[in-house]
């Protein structure tokens, strides 16, 4: 039995879900564990990919969610 079709269907469904969350909004209910990269720490929404700054000192998220590169103004 070949499961390639199931994997492809899951990938397409994930991309559609990501697109819909970005267009219509996302509650960001499912977040990743904290990551640190390039001198910054963040968590990512597992549904839409938005990121939010994370302070490793007090273990709290800070600022708004963003897509792409973070704003240096915050």
Protein backbone atom coordinates (compact mmCIF):
# COMPACT_ATOMS: atom_id res chain seq x y z
CA UNK A 1 0.00 0.00 0.00
CA UNK A 2 1.40 3.41 -1.01
CA UNK A 3 0.83 6.34 1.37
CA UNK A 4 2.28 9.04 -0.90
CA UNK A 5 -1.19 10.34 -1.73
CA UNK A 6 -2.02 10.74 1.96
CA UNK A 7 1.18 12.73 2.54
CA UNK A 8 0.53 14.98 -0.48
CA UNK A 9 -3.06 15.55 0.63
CA UNK A 10 -1.85 16.51 4.12
CA UNK A 11 0.64 18.99 2.67
CA UNK A 12 -2.00 20.61 0.46
CA UNK A 13 -4.45 20.77 3.37
CA UNK A 14 -1.76 22.39 5.53
CA UNK A 15 -1.02 25.04 2.90
CA UNK A 16 -4.73 25.83 2.49
CA UNK A 17 -5.14 26.08 6.26
CA UNK A 18 -2.12 28.41 6.48
CA UNK A 19 -3.53 30.63 3.70
CA UNK A 20 -7.01 30.76 5.25
CA UNK A 21 -5.59 31.66 8.68
CA UNK A 22 -3.58 34.52 7.16
CA UNK A 23 -6.54 35.87 5.18
CA UNK A 24 -9.30 35.50 7.77
CA UNK A 25 -7.25 35.68 10.96
CA UNK A 26 -5.89 33.10 13.31
CA UNK A 27 -6.35 32.72 17.05
CA UNK A 28 -2.73 31.47 17.39
CA UNK A 29 -4.02 28.79 19.77
CA UNK A 30 -1.27 26.26 18.98
CA UNK A 31 2.24 27.61 19.54
CA UNK A 32 5.65 26.02 19.16
CA UNK A 33 8.16 25.73 21.93
CA UNK A 34 10.50 28.75 22.18
CA UNK A 35 13.26 28.92 19.56
CA UNK A 36 16.39 31.03 19.55
CA UNK A 37 18.04 32.04 16.27
CA UNK A 38 20.22 34.94 15.23
CA UNK A 39 20.21 36.51 18.68
CA UNK A 40 16.44 36.54 19.06
CA UNK A 41 14.01 34.17 20.73
CA UNK A 42 10.47 33.56 19.47
CA UNK A 43 7.54 31.17 19.34
CA UNK A 44 5.63 30.35 16.15
CA UNK A 45 1.96 29.65 15.55
CA UNK A 46 1.68 26.09 14.28
CA UNK A 47 -1.39 26.97 12.20
CA UNK A 48 -0.36 30.10 10.30
CA UNK A 49 3.38 30.54 10.93
CA UNK A 50 3.15 33.93 12.65
CA UNK A 51 5.91 34.55 15.17
CA UNK A 52 6.01 36.41 18.48
CA UNK A 53 9.05 37.56 20.43
CA UNK A 54 9.91 35.54 23.51
CA UNK A 55 11.89 36.76 26.52
CA UNK A 56 14.08 33.96 27.82
CA UNK A 57 14.73 35.91 31.04
CA UNK A 58 11.15 35.92 32.31
CA UNK A 59 9.82 33.19 30.00
CA UNK A 60 7.08 35.46 28.57
CA UNK A 61 5.99 36.35 25.05
CA UNK A 62 6.25 40.03 24.13
CA UNK A 63 4.77 42.30 21.48
CA UNK A 64 2.43 41.43 18.67
CA UNK A 65 2.51 38.48 16.30
CA UNK A 66 4.27 39.16 13.00
CA UNK A 67 5.02 37.46 9.71
CA UNK A 68 8.53 37.64 8.29
CA UNK A 69 11.21 39.73 9.96
CA UNK A 70 10.48 41.29 13.36
CA UNK A 71 10.10 45.02 13.78
CA UNK A 72 13.04 46.65 15.53
CA UNK A 73 10.79 49.36 16.94
CA UNK A 74 9.39 47.18 19.76
